[in-house]
Amino acid sequence: MILVVGDPTVLDKALQILNRDRQVFLALDAAQALELAGNLAFSVALVDLDLAAGAGFDLIRTLRRSVPVLQIIAITNATYSLSPEDAQKLGVVAVLKKPITLDWKPVVERIRARRA
């Protein structure tokens, strides 16, 4: 799993919720995420749409082309909202709203199980 977060303050919370029984790799920007995706096999990527200058959207498009089997979940706050149609066009399987809560874990696990 890749977790790309534009705001480093949410990293600890994400690790508490998602890393209990899974390996989580953190990438703070798109370049680091692409490097990790090129070197390791991931089943799910959590991509923050709020990365600087639309980099979250660009990262999703790049990941979709380079790792087509990767299940991508978009993370967003009120800055960006995606309709189900726009999310599907972008290639994401779910959109989760910040802040990170315990409600995220079952969504991530369900999507991860689809890939297994």
Protein backbone atom coordinates (compact mmCIF):
# COMPACT_ATOMS: atom_id res chain seq x y z
CA MET A 1 0.00 0.00 0.00
CA ILE A 2 1.20 3.52 -0.71
CA LEU A 3 -0.05 6.42 1.32
CA VAL A 4 0.59 9.79 -0.28
CA VAL A 5 -0.18 12.67 2.03
CA GLY A 6 0.31 16.35 1.30
CA ASP A 7 -0.15 17.34 4.94
CA PRO A 8 2.40 15.53 7.14
CA THR A 9 0.25 16.04 10.24
CA VAL A 10 -2.10 13.23 9.16
CA LEU A 11 0.66 10.62 8.79
CA ASP A 12 0.57 9.42 12.41
CA LYS A 13 -3.20 9.04 12.37
CA ALA A 14 -3.10 7.10 9.10
CA LEU A 15 -0.44 4.77 10.46
CA GLN A 16 -2.47 4.12 13.62
CA ILE A 17 -5.53 3.17 11.60
CA LEU A 18 -4.04 1.38 8.59
CA ASN A 19 -0.81 -0.17 9.80
CA ARG A 20 -2.16 -2.50 12.45
CA ASP A 21 -1.82 -5.60 10.30
CA ARG A 22 -0.61 -4.33 6.93
CA GLN A 23 2.61 -2.88 5.63
CA VAL A 24 2.21 0.80 4.82
CA PHE A 25 4.74 2.80 2.85
CA LEU A 26 4.60 6.55 3.08
CA ALA A 27 5.34 8.95 0.25
CA LEU A 28 5.13 12.65 0.88
CA ASP A 29 5.04 13.64 -2.78
CA ALA A 30 4.29 12.28 -6.23
CA ALA A 31 7.92 11.64 -7.15
CA GLN A 32 8.50 9.49 -4.08
CA ALA A 33 5.23 7.61 -4.69
CA LEU A 34 6.19 6.82 -8.28
CA GLU A 35 9.60 5.60 -7.16
CA LEU A 36 8.03 3.28 -4.59
CA ALA A 37 5.44 2.03 -7.08
CA GLY A 38 8.21 1.24 -9.54
CA ASN A 39 10.20 -0.75 -6.99
CA LEU A 40 7.55 -2.56 -4.91
CA ALA A 41 4.28 -4.38 -5.59
CA PHE A 42 1.31 -2.61 -4.02
CA SER A 43 -2.33 -3.62 -3.98
CA VAL A 44 -3.80 -0.25 -2.92
CA ALA A 45 -2.65 3.36 -3.20
CA LEU A 46 -4.18 6.14 -1.13
CA VAL A 47 -3.53 9.35 -3.06
CA ASP A 48 -4.19 12.79 -1.61
CA LEU A 49 -5.84 15.03 -4.19
CA ASP A 50 -4.71 18.04 -2.18
CA LEU A 51 -1.04 17.68 -3.15
CA ALA A 52 0.41 20.94 -4.50
CA ALA A 53 -0.63 22.22 -7.93
CA GLY A 54 -2.89 19.32 -8.91
CA ALA A 55 -0.12 16.77 -8.39
CA GLY A 56 -2.59 14.32 -6.80
CA PHE A 57 -4.64 14.14 -9.99
CA ASP A 58 -1.51 13.83 -12.12
CA LEU A 59 -0.15 11.10 -9.85
CA ILE A 60 -3.37 9.10 -10.16
CA ARG A 61 -3.24 9.32 -13.95
CA THR A 62 0.42 8.26 -13.99
CA LEU A 63 -0.15 5.37 -11.59
CA ARG A 64 -3.15 4.23 -13.61
CA ARG A 65 -0.97 4.05 -16.75
CA SER A 66 2.09 2.48 -15.11
CA VAL A 67 0.37 0.06 -12.70
CA PRO A 68 -3.07 -0.69 -14.19
CA VAL A 69 -3.99 -3.33 -11.58
CA LEU A 70 -3.38 -0.95 -8.66
CA GLN A 71 -6.54 -0.08 -6.73
CA ILE A 72 -6.44 3.70 -6.18
CA ILE A 73 -8.37 5.49 -3.45
CA ALA A 74 -8.49 9.29 -3.58
CA ILE A 75 -8.25 11.22 -0.32
CA THR A 76 -9.62 14.75 -0.24
CA ASN A 77 -10.84 17.58 1.92
CA ALA A 78 -13.34 20.22 0.88
CA THR A 79 -10.93 21.66 -1.71
CA TYR A 80 -11.74 18.97 -4.28
CA SER A 81 -14.86 16.94 -4.61
CA LEU A 82 -15.36 14.19 -7.12
CA SER A 83 -18.65 12.93 -8.40
CA PRO A 84 -18.84 9.16 -8.81
CA GLU A 85 -18.61 9.69 -12.58
CA ASP A 86 -15.51 11.89 -12.30
CA ALA A 87 -13.88 9.42 -9.90
CA GLN A 88 -14.51 6.59 -12.35
CA LYS A 89 -13.07 8.61 -15.25
CA LEU A 90 -10.00 9.38 -13.15
CA GLY A 91 -9.61 5.70 -12.32
CA VAL A 92 -10.21 5.69 -8.57
CA VAL A 93 -12.25 3.00 -6.85
CA ALA A 94 -13.27 5.15 -3.86
CA VAL A 95 -13.04 8.67 -2.51
CA LEU A 96 -12.43 9.19 1.22
CA LYS A 97 -12.87 12.55 2.94
CA LYS A 98 -10.38 13.92 5.44
CA PRO A 99 -9.89 13.81 8.34
CA ILE A 100 -8.76 10.21 8.62
CA THR A 101 -11.13 8.22 10.81
CA LEU A 102 -11.65 4.61 11.80
CA ASP A 103 -14.34 4.47 9.09
CA TRP A 104 -11.53 4.41 6.50
CA LYS A 105 -10.16 1.03 7.50
CA PRO A 106 -13.09 -1.17 6.33
CA VAL A 107 -13.20 0.68 2.99
CA VAL A 108 -9.46 0.18 2.44
CA GLU A 109 -9.64 -3.46 3.53
CA ARG A 110 -12.61 -4.21 1.26
CA ILE A 111 -10.83 -2.73 -1.75
CA ARG A 112 -7.60 -4.50 -0.85
CA ALA A 113 -9.48 -7.82 -0.63
CA ARG A 114 -10.75 -7.35 -4.19
CA ARG A 115 -7.18 -7.42 -5.42
CA ALA A 116 -6.15 -10.46 -3.34
